[in-house]
């Protein structure tokens, strides 16, 4: 699960996200990691301290299963702010993780 949230939301969500057993990663609008949960540490073989502040592409390479799914995801995120589907995350050691992602773009009252 990946959550993208605004600056004003950062104080509210970490406590909630700790309850997830899944690999929860939250990134800011520039795709820098602002939260990296315990499940993410296990799955991506990276410590929280090693992930925070880094760009998502520093942790894994993102692959779409097909171009049509990429277009659907970008459209959904731009219109309703949520996309759910499968994709592949390739770790730097070559490990390929087929993941079901739920990406939510959280927006504050100003946007």
N, C-alpha and C. Protein backbone atom coordinates (compact mmCIF):
# COMPACT_ATOMS: atom_id res chain seq x y z
N UNK A 1 0.85 -1.17 0.00
CA UNK A 1 0.00 0.00 0.00
C UNK A 1 0.89 1.22 0.00
N UNK A 2 0.63 2.17 -0.88
CA UNK A 2 1.35 3.42 -0.86
C UNK A 2 0.35 4.54 -0.69
N UNK A 3 0.69 5.49 0.18
CA UNK A 3 -0.15 6.64 0.43
C UNK A 3 0.69 7.87 0.14
N UNK A 4 0.12 8.82 -0.59
CA UNK A 4 0.79 10.09 -0.83
C UNK A 4 -0.02 11.14 -0.08
N UNK A 5 0.62 11.87 0.82
CA UNK A 5 -0.13 12.85 1.59
C UNK A 5 0.55 14.20 1.59
N UNK A 6 -0.23 15.21 1.93
CA UNK A 6 0.26 16.58 1.96
C UNK A 6 0.98 16.89 3.25
N UNK A 7 1.64 18.02 3.25
CA UNK A 7 2.46 18.45 4.38
C UNK A 7 1.66 18.55 5.67
N UNK A 8 0.44 19.07 5.59
CA UNK A 8 -0.37 19.25 6.79
C UNK A 8 -0.83 17.92 7.39
N UNK A 9 -0.86 16.87 6.61
CA UNK A 9 -1.34 15.56 7.08
C UNK A 9 -0.26 14.75 7.79
N UNK A 10 1.00 15.14 7.67
CA UNK A 10 2.09 14.29 8.14
C UNK A 10 2.04 13.99 9.63
N UNK A 11 1.52 14.89 10.44
CA UNK A 11 1.46 14.65 11.87
C UNK A 11 0.36 13.66 12.24
N UNK A 12 -0.61 13.46 11.37
CA UNK A 12 -1.78 12.64 11.70
C UNK A 12 -1.65 11.17 11.35
N UNK A 13 -0.96 10.84 10.28
CA UNK A 13 -1.05 9.49 9.74
C UNK A 13 -0.07 8.46 10.29
N UNK A 14 1.13 8.81 10.75
CA UNK A 14 2.05 7.73 11.15
C UNK A 14 1.49 6.76 12.17
N UNK A 15 0.76 7.24 13.18
CA UNK A 15 0.20 6.34 14.18
C UNK A 15 -0.79 5.37 13.55
N UNK A 16 -1.63 5.85 12.66
CA UNK A 16 -2.58 4.99 11.97
C UNK A 16 -1.86 3.96 11.11
N UNK A 17 -0.83 4.39 10.38
CA UNK A 17 -0.15 3.49 9.45
C UNK A 17 0.62 2.38 10.17
N UNK A 18 1.06 2.62 11.39
CA UNK A 18 1.79 1.59 12.14
C UNK A 18 0.95 0.34 12.35
N UNK A 19 -0.36 0.48 12.32
CA UNK A 19 -1.25 -0.66 12.56
C UNK A 19 -1.33 -1.62 11.37
N UNK A 20 -0.90 -1.19 10.19
CA UNK A 20 -0.96 -2.04 9.02
C UNK A 20 0.13 -3.10 9.06
N UNK A 21 -0.22 -4.35 8.78
CA UNK A 21 0.77 -5.41 8.66
C UNK A 21 1.37 -5.42 7.26
N UNK A 22 0.66 -4.81 6.32
CA UNK A 22 1.11 -4.78 4.94
C UNK A 22 2.31 -3.85 4.80
N UNK A 23 2.90 -3.87 3.63
CA UNK A 23 4.04 -2.98 3.35
C UNK A 23 3.50 -1.60 2.98
N UNK A 24 3.42 -0.72 3.95
CA UNK A 24 2.90 0.63 3.72
C UNK A 24 4.07 1.58 3.51
N UNK A 25 4.00 2.30 2.39
CA UNK A 25 4.99 3.32 2.07
C UNK A 25 4.21 4.59 1.77
N UNK A 26 4.61 5.70 2.36
CA UNK A 26 4.00 6.99 2.05
C UNK A 26 5.07 7.89 1.49
N UNK A 27 4.69 8.62 0.45
CA UNK A 27 5.61 9.53 -0.21
C UNK A 27 4.97 10.90 -0.33
N UNK A 28 5.82 11.92 -0.41
CA UNK A 28 5.31 13.26 -0.62
C UNK A 28 5.07 13.50 -2.10
N UNK A 29 4.73 14.70 -2.47
CA UNK A 29 4.39 15.01 -3.86
C UNK A 29 5.57 14.84 -4.81
N UNK A 30 6.80 14.84 -4.26
CA UNK A 30 8.00 14.63 -5.08
C UNK A 30 8.45 13.17 -5.05
N UNK A 31 7.60 12.30 -4.51
CA UNK A 31 7.86 10.85 -4.42
C UNK A 31 9.07 10.52 -3.54
N UNK A 32 9.29 11.32 -2.51
CA UNK A 32 10.28 11.01 -1.49
C UNK A 32 9.57 10.30 -0.34
N UNK A 33 10.19 9.28 0.20
CA UNK A 33 9.59 8.48 1.27
C UNK A 33 9.50 9.31 2.55
N UNK A 34 8.27 9.43 3.07
CA UNK A 34 8.05 10.12 4.35
C UNK A 34 7.56 9.15 5.43
N UNK A 35 7.18 7.95 5.03
CA UNK A 35 6.81 6.90 5.98
C UNK A 35 7.16 5.57 5.36
N UNK A 36 7.74 4.68 6.15
CA UNK A 36 8.15 3.36 5.69
C UNK A 36 7.86 2.39 6.83
N UNK A 37 6.76 1.65 6.70
CA UNK A 37 6.29 0.79 7.78
C UNK A 37 7.08 -0.48 7.96
N UNK A 38 6.83 -1.18 9.07
CA UNK A 38 7.53 -2.43 9.37
C UNK A 38 7.39 -3.48 8.27
N UNK A 39 6.20 -3.58 7.68
CA UNK A 39 6.00 -4.54 6.59
C UNK A 39 6.85 -4.20 5.38
N UNK A 40 7.01 -2.91 5.10
CA UNK A 40 7.85 -2.46 3.99
C UNK A 40 9.32 -2.78 4.28
N UNK A 41 9.73 -2.63 5.52
CA UNK A 41 11.12 -2.97 5.87
C UNK A 41 11.41 -4.43 5.53
N UNK A 42 10.47 -5.30 5.88
CA UNK A 42 10.66 -6.74 5.61
C UNK A 42 10.65 -7.03 4.11
N UNK A 43 9.66 -6.52 3.41
CA UNK A 43 9.49 -6.85 2.00
C UNK A 43 10.58 -6.25 1.12
N UNK A 44 10.96 -5.00 1.40
CA UNK A 44 11.94 -4.31 0.55
C UNK A 44 13.36 -4.41 1.08
N UNK A 45 13.53 -5.12 2.20
CA UNK A 45 14.86 -5.39 2.76
C UNK A 45 15.66 -4.11 3.00
N UNK A 46 14.95 -3.10 3.50
CA UNK A 46 15.55 -1.80 3.78
C UNK A 46 15.01 -1.31 5.11
N UNK A 47 15.88 -0.72 5.92
CA UNK A 47 15.42 -0.19 7.19
C UNK A 47 14.65 1.10 6.98
N UNK A 48 13.84 1.43 7.96
CA UNK A 48 13.09 2.68 7.92
C UNK A 48 14.06 3.86 7.79
N UNK A 49 15.11 3.85 8.60
CA UNK A 49 16.08 4.95 8.55
C UNK A 49 16.74 5.04 7.17
N UNK A 50 16.96 3.91 6.53
CA UNK A 50 17.58 3.90 5.22
C UNK A 50 16.64 4.31 4.10
N UNK A 51 15.35 4.29 4.35
CA UNK A 51 14.37 4.63 3.32
C UNK A 51 13.87 6.07 3.41
N UNK A 52 13.73 6.57 4.63
CA UNK A 52 13.14 7.90 4.81
C UNK A 52 13.94 8.98 4.07
N UNK A 53 13.23 9.81 3.34
CA UNK A 53 13.84 10.90 2.61
C UNK A 53 14.36 10.53 1.23
N UNK A 54 14.42 9.25 0.94
CA UNK A 54 14.90 8.81 -0.38
C UNK A 54 13.76 8.80 -1.38
N UNK A 55 14.10 8.92 -2.65
CA UNK A 55 13.12 8.80 -3.70
C UNK A 55 12.70 7.35 -3.86
N UNK A 56 11.45 7.13 -4.23
CA UNK A 56 10.98 5.75 -4.41
C UNK A 56 11.84 4.97 -5.39
N UNK A 57 12.33 5.63 -6.45
CA UNK A 57 13.14 4.92 -7.43
C UNK A 57 14.51 4.52 -6.89
N UNK A 58 14.89 5.07 -5.74
CA UNK A 58 16.12 4.62 -5.08
C UNK A 58 15.91 3.29 -4.37
N UNK A 59 14.65 2.95 -4.09
CA UNK A 59 14.33 1.71 -3.39
C UNK A 59 14.00 0.57 -4.34
N UNK A 60 13.33 0.89 -5.44
CA UNK A 60 12.94 -0.13 -6.42
C UNK A 60 12.63 0.51 -7.75
N UNK A 61 12.73 -0.32 -8.78
CA UNK A 61 12.31 0.10 -10.12
C UNK A 61 10.88 -0.38 -10.32
N UNK A 62 10.07 0.49 -10.85
CA UNK A 62 8.64 0.23 -11.02
C UNK A 62 8.39 -0.24 -12.43
N UNK A 63 7.68 -1.33 -12.60
CA UNK A 63 7.32 -1.83 -13.93
C UNK A 63 5.81 -2.04 -13.99
N UNK A 64 5.24 -1.59 -15.08
CA UNK A 64 3.82 -1.83 -15.32
C UNK A 64 3.65 -3.15 -16.04
N UNK A 65 2.54 -3.84 -15.79
CA UNK A 65 2.27 -5.08 -16.48
C UNK A 65 1.97 -4.83 -17.95
N UNK A 66 1.38 -3.66 -18.24
CA UNK A 66 1.17 -3.25 -19.63
C UNK A 66 0.90 -1.75 -19.66
N UNK A 67 1.06 -1.15 -20.84
CA UNK A 67 0.90 0.29 -21.00
C UNK A 67 -0.52 0.74 -20.70
N UNK A 68 -1.49 -0.08 -21.02
CA UNK A 68 -2.89 0.29 -20.77
C UNK A 68 -3.15 0.45 -19.26
N UNK A 69 -2.55 -0.41 -18.45
CA UNK A 69 -2.75 -0.32 -17.01
C UNK A 69 -2.09 0.95 -16.46
N UNK A 70 -0.95 1.30 -17.00
CA UNK A 70 -0.30 2.54 -16.58
C UNK A 70 -1.20 3.74 -16.88
N UNK A 71 -1.79 3.77 -18.06
CA UNK A 71 -2.69 4.86 -18.43
C UNK A 71 -3.91 4.90 -17.52
N UNK A 72 -4.47 3.74 -17.20
CA UNK A 72 -5.63 3.68 -16.30
C UNK A 72 -5.26 4.20 -14.91
N UNK A 73 -4.07 3.82 -14.43
CA UNK A 73 -3.64 4.25 -13.10
C UNK A 73 -3.47 5.76 -13.05
N UNK A 74 -2.79 6.32 -14.02
CA UNK A 74 -2.57 7.76 -14.04
C UNK A 74 -3.88 8.53 -14.15
N UNK A 75 -4.81 8.02 -14.95
CA UNK A 75 -6.11 8.64 -15.08
C UNK A 75 -6.87 8.59 -13.76
N UNK A 76 -6.88 7.42 -13.12
CA UNK A 76 -7.60 7.26 -11.85
C UNK A 76 -7.01 8.16 -10.77
N UNK A 77 -5.70 8.24 -10.69
CA UNK A 77 -5.08 9.09 -9.68
C UNK A 77 -5.39 10.56 -9.93
N UNK A 78 -5.46 10.94 -11.19
CA UNK A 78 -5.75 12.33 -11.51
C UNK A 78 -7.20 12.72 -11.33
N UNK A 79 -8.11 11.75 -11.41
CA UNK A 79 -9.53 12.09 -11.33
C UNK A 79 -10.12 11.76 -9.96
N UNK A 80 -10.03 10.51 -9.53
CA UNK A 80 -10.63 10.13 -8.24
C UNK A 80 -9.61 10.03 -7.12
N UNK A 81 -8.32 10.05 -7.46
CA UNK A 81 -7.28 10.04 -6.43
C UNK A 81 -6.91 8.68 -5.88
N UNK A 82 -7.44 7.60 -6.48
CA UNK A 82 -7.15 6.25 -5.99
C UNK A 82 -6.97 5.31 -7.17
N UNK A 83 -5.96 4.44 -7.07
CA UNK A 83 -5.78 3.38 -8.06
C UNK A 83 -5.39 2.11 -7.32
N UNK A 84 -5.94 0.99 -7.76
CA UNK A 84 -5.61 -0.32 -7.20
C UNK A 84 -5.36 -1.26 -8.35
N UNK A 85 -4.24 -1.99 -8.30
CA UNK A 85 -3.92 -2.94 -9.35
C UNK A 85 -2.58 -3.60 -9.09
N UNK A 86 -2.17 -4.42 -10.02
CA UNK A 86 -0.90 -5.12 -9.89
C UNK A 86 0.18 -4.45 -10.71
N UNK A 87 1.40 -4.52 -10.18
CA UNK A 87 2.58 -4.08 -10.90
C UNK A 87 3.78 -4.81 -10.33
N UNK A 88 4.94 -4.50 -10.84
CA UNK A 88 6.16 -5.19 -10.41
C UNK A 88 7.12 -4.16 -9.83
N UNK A 89 7.68 -4.49 -8.69
CA UNK A 89 8.74 -3.69 -8.10
C UNK A 89 10.01 -4.53 -8.19
N UNK A 90 11.04 -3.99 -8.81
CA UNK A 90 12.30 -4.71 -8.97
C UNK A 90 13.32 -4.11 -8.02
N UNK A 91 13.75 -4.91 -7.05
CA UNK A 91 14.74 -4.43 -6.08
C UNK A 91 16.11 -4.35 -6.73
N UNK A 92 17.03 -3.65 -6.10
CA UNK A 92 18.35 -3.45 -6.68
C UNK A 92 19.16 -4.74 -6.82
N UNK A 93 18.79 -5.78 -6.07
CA UNK A 93 19.49 -7.06 -6.22
C UNK A 93 18.85 -7.92 -7.32
N UNK A 94 17.85 -7.36 -8.02
CA UNK A 94 17.19 -8.08 -9.10
C UNK A 94 15.93 -8.81 -8.69
N UNK A 95 15.65 -8.88 -7.39
CA UNK A 95 14.44 -9.54 -6.93
C UNK A 95 13.23 -8.82 -7.50
N UNK A 96 12.31 -9.60 -8.10
CA UNK A 96 11.10 -9.05 -8.68
C UNK A 96 9.93 -9.37 -7.76
N UNK A 97 9.25 -8.33 -7.31
CA UNK A 97 8.09 -8.49 -6.46
C UNK A 97 6.85 -8.12 -7.27
N UNK A 98 5.96 -9.07 -7.48
CA UNK A 98 4.67 -8.76 -8.09
C UNK A 98 3.78 -8.35 -6.93
N UNK A 99 3.34 -7.10 -6.95
CA UNK A 99 2.59 -6.57 -5.82
C UNK A 99 1.22 -6.08 -6.26
N UNK A 100 0.29 -6.16 -5.35
CA UNK A 100 -0.99 -5.49 -5.54
C UNK A 100 -0.86 -4.16 -4.83
N UNK A 101 -0.91 -3.10 -5.58
CA UNK A 101 -0.74 -1.77 -5.03
C UNK A 101 -2.07 -1.07 -4.88
N UNK A 102 -2.18 -0.33 -3.81
CA UNK A 102 -3.27 0.60 -3.63
C UNK A 102 -2.60 1.95 -3.43
N UNK A 103 -2.76 2.83 -4.40
CA UNK A 103 -2.13 4.14 -4.33
C UNK A 103 -3.24 5.17 -4.14
N UNK A 104 -3.09 5.96 -3.08
CA UNK A 104 -4.06 6.98 -2.76
C UNK A 104 -3.36 8.31 -2.69
N UNK A 105 -3.81 9.28 -3.45
CA UNK A 105 -3.27 10.63 -3.40
C UNK A 105 -4.15 11.43 -2.44
N UNK A 106 -3.61 11.76 -1.28
CA UNK A 106 -4.37 12.54 -0.30
C UNK A 106 -4.10 14.01 -0.56
N UNK A 107 -5.15 14.76 -0.63
CA UNK A 107 -5.02 16.20 -0.89
C UNK A 107 -5.65 16.97 0.26
N UNK A 108 -5.01 18.06 0.63
CA UNK A 108 -5.56 18.93 1.65
C UNK A 108 -6.70 19.76 1.10
N UNK A 109 -7.24 20.63 1.90
CA UNK A 109 -8.36 21.46 1.49
C UNK A 109 -8.00 22.39 0.34
N UNK A 110 -6.71 22.68 0.17
CA UNK A 110 -6.29 23.59 -0.89
C UNK A 110 -5.98 22.87 -2.19
N UNK A 111 -6.19 21.56 -2.30
CA UNK A 111 -5.93 20.94 -3.57
C UNK A 111 -5.87 19.49 -3.54
